[in-house]
Amino acid sequence: MTDVILFHDGCNVCQSISATMTTTFAGENFNFESINLATQKERGSQAKSLGITRLPSLVIDGKVMRLEDHSPIEHYA
């Protein structure tokens, strides 16, 4: 099982990415979670501990990939 987490800020671009990722990573081989830090601020420290500096970012098995880089993590953590 591959863990996939999308950390984002809930904007329209991020919501579109989340919808796409939900479809892409649906299935038995992936454990996908979409975390909107605008509404789940308690998860901001987790994002920072994983090395996320900009939103949105995708974490696949602990490796961070930045997507559509537009929001600093400091706004949420």
C-alpha atoms as a PDB file:
ATOM      1  CA  MET A   1       0.000   0.000   0.000  1.00  0.00           C
ATOM      2  CA  THR A   2       1.412   3.369  -1.061  1.00  0.00           C
ATOM      3  CA  ASP A   3       0.611   6.373   1.141  1.00  0.00           C
ATOM      4  CA  VAL A   4      -0.277   9.496  -0.845  1.00  0.00           C
ATOM      5  CA  ILE A   5      -1.136  12.793   0.870  1.00  0.00           C
ATOM      6  CA  LEU A   6      -2.076  16.046  -0.841  1.00  0.00           C
ATOM      7  CA  PHE A   7      -1.587  19.115   1.354  1.00  0.00           C
ATOM      8  CA  HIS A   8      -3.334  22.193  -0.045  1.00  0.00           C
ATOM      9  CA  ASP A   9      -4.993  25.484   0.897  1.00  0.00           C
ATOM     10  CA  GLY A  10      -8.498  24.860  -0.474  1.00  0.00           C
ATOM     11  CA  CYS A  11      -8.396  27.311  -3.398  1.00  0.00           C
ATOM     12  CA  ASN A  12     -10.089  26.437  -6.704  1.00  0.00           C
ATOM     13  CA  VAL A  13      -6.831  25.202  -8.252  1.00  0.00           C
ATOM     14  CA  CYS A  14      -6.165  22.998  -5.214  1.00  0.00           C
ATOM     15  CA  GLN A  15      -9.701  21.628  -5.205  1.00  0.00           C
ATOM     16  CA  SER A  16      -9.295  20.664  -8.856  1.00  0.00           C
ATOM     17  CA  ILE A  17      -5.970  18.950  -8.111  1.00  0.00           C
ATOM     18  CA  SER A  18      -7.574  17.138  -5.169  1.00  0.00           C
ATOM     19  CA  ALA A  19     -10.450  15.884  -7.342  1.00  0.00           C
ATOM     20  CA  THR A  20      -8.014  14.632  -9.968  1.00  0.00           C
ATOM     21  CA  MET A  21      -5.798  12.950  -7.381  1.00  0.00           C
ATOM     22  CA  THR A  22      -8.806  11.329  -5.694  1.00  0.00           C
ATOM     23  CA  THR A  23      -9.684   9.667  -8.994  1.00  0.00           C
ATOM     24  CA  THR A  24      -6.076   8.878  -9.917  1.00  0.00           C
ATOM     25  CA  PHE A  25      -5.190   7.268  -6.589  1.00  0.00           C
ATOM     26  CA  ALA A  26      -8.486   5.457  -5.999  1.00  0.00           C
ATOM     27  CA  GLY A  27      -8.005   1.760  -5.492  1.00  0.00           C
ATOM     28  CA  GLU A  28      -6.499  -0.895  -3.331  1.00  0.00           C
ATOM     29  CA  ASN A  29      -2.858   0.003  -3.987  1.00  0.00           C
ATOM     30  CA  PHE A  30      -3.063   3.548  -2.614  1.00  0.00           C
ATOM     31  CA  ASN A  31      -4.000   5.132   0.669  1.00  0.00           C
ATOM     32  CA  PHE A  32      -4.904   8.677  -0.517  1.00  0.00           C
ATOM     33  CA  GLU A  33      -5.684  11.595   1.776  1.00  0.00           C
ATOM     34  CA  SER A  34      -6.407  15.198   0.802  1.00  0.00           C
ATOM     35  CA  ILE A  35      -5.677  17.700   3.569  1.00  0.00           C
ATOM     36  CA  ASN A  36      -7.024  21.237   3.271  1.00  0.00           C
ATOM     37  CA  LEU A  37      -4.886  23.241   5.679  1.00  0.00           C
ATOM     38  CA  ALA A  38      -7.334  26.151   5.578  1.00  0.00           C
ATOM     39  CA  THR A  39      -9.848  23.957   7.415  1.00  0.00           C
ATOM     40  CA  GLN A  40      -7.490  21.422   9.042  1.00  0.00           C
ATOM     41  CA  LYS A  41      -4.943  23.774  10.584  1.00  0.00           C
ATOM     42  CA  GLU A  42      -3.970  21.171  13.168  1.00  0.00           C
ATOM     43  CA  ARG A  43      -2.286  19.228  10.332  1.00  0.00           C
ATOM     44  CA  GLY A  44       0.067  22.105   9.483  1.00  0.00           C
ATOM     45  CA  SER A  45       2.782  20.855  11.828  1.00  0.00           C
ATOM     46  CA  GLN A  46       2.641  17.455  10.093  1.00  0.00           C
ATOM     47  CA  ALA A  47       3.137  19.148   6.724  1.00  0.00           C
ATOM     48  CA  LYS A  48       6.131  21.096   8.004  1.00  0.00           C
ATOM     49  CA  SER A  49       7.664  17.991   9.588  1.00  0.00           C
ATOM     50  CA  LEU A  50       7.466  16.254   6.196  1.00  0.00           C
ATOM     51  CA  GLY A  51       9.449  19.116   4.642  1.00  0.00           C
ATOM     52  CA  ILE A  52       6.625  20.956   2.909  1.00  0.00           C
ATOM     53  CA  THR A  53       7.373  24.631   2.355  1.00  0.00           C
ATOM     54  CA  ARG A  54       4.799  25.535  -0.330  1.00  0.00           C
ATOM     55  CA  LEU A  55       1.242  24.494  -1.129  1.00  0.00           C
ATOM     56  CA  PRO A  56      -0.035  22.491  -2.792  1.00  0.00           C
ATOM     57  CA  SER A  57       2.365  19.609  -2.270  1.00  0.00           C
ATOM     58  CA  LEU A  58       1.928  15.909  -2.836  1.00  0.00           C
ATOM     59  CA  VAL A  59       3.661  13.425  -0.533  1.00  0.00           C
ATOM     60  CA  ILE A  60       4.157   9.916  -1.892  1.00  0.00           C
ATOM     61  CA  ASP A  61       5.679   7.485   0.599  1.00  0.00           C
ATOM     62  CA  GLY A  62       7.360  10.367   2.401  1.00  0.00           C
ATOM     63  CA  LYS A  63       8.752  12.104  -0.706  1.00  0.00           C
ATOM     64  CA  VAL A  64       7.506  15.661  -1.277  1.00  0.00           C
ATOM     65  CA  MET A  65       6.523  16.917  -4.724  1.00  0.00           C
ATOM     66  CA  ARG A  66       5.474  20.559  -5.125  1.00  0.00           C
ATOM     67  CA  LEU A  67       2.519  21.266  -7.431  1.00  0.00           C
ATOM     68  CA  GLU A  68       1.317  24.627  -8.784  1.00  0.00           C
ATOM     69  CA  ASP A  69       3.467  26.372  -6.176  1.00  0.00           C
ATOM     70  CA  HIS A  70       1.421  29.326  -4.856  1.00  0.00           C
ATOM     71  CA  SER A  71       1.081  29.440  -1.082  1.00  0.00           C
ATOM     72  CA  PRO A  72       3.726  29.342   1.671  1.00  0.00           C
ATOM     73  CA  ILE A  73       3.209  26.848   4.503  1.00  0.00           C
ATOM     74  CA  GLU A  74       3.697  29.662   7.035  1.00  0.00           C
ATOM     75  CA  HIS A  75       0.135  30.790   6.316  1.00  0.00           C
ATOM     76  CA  TYR A  76      -1.131  27.499   7.804  1.00  0.00           C
ATOM     77  CA  ALA A  77       1.454  26.188  10.242  1.00  0.00           C
END
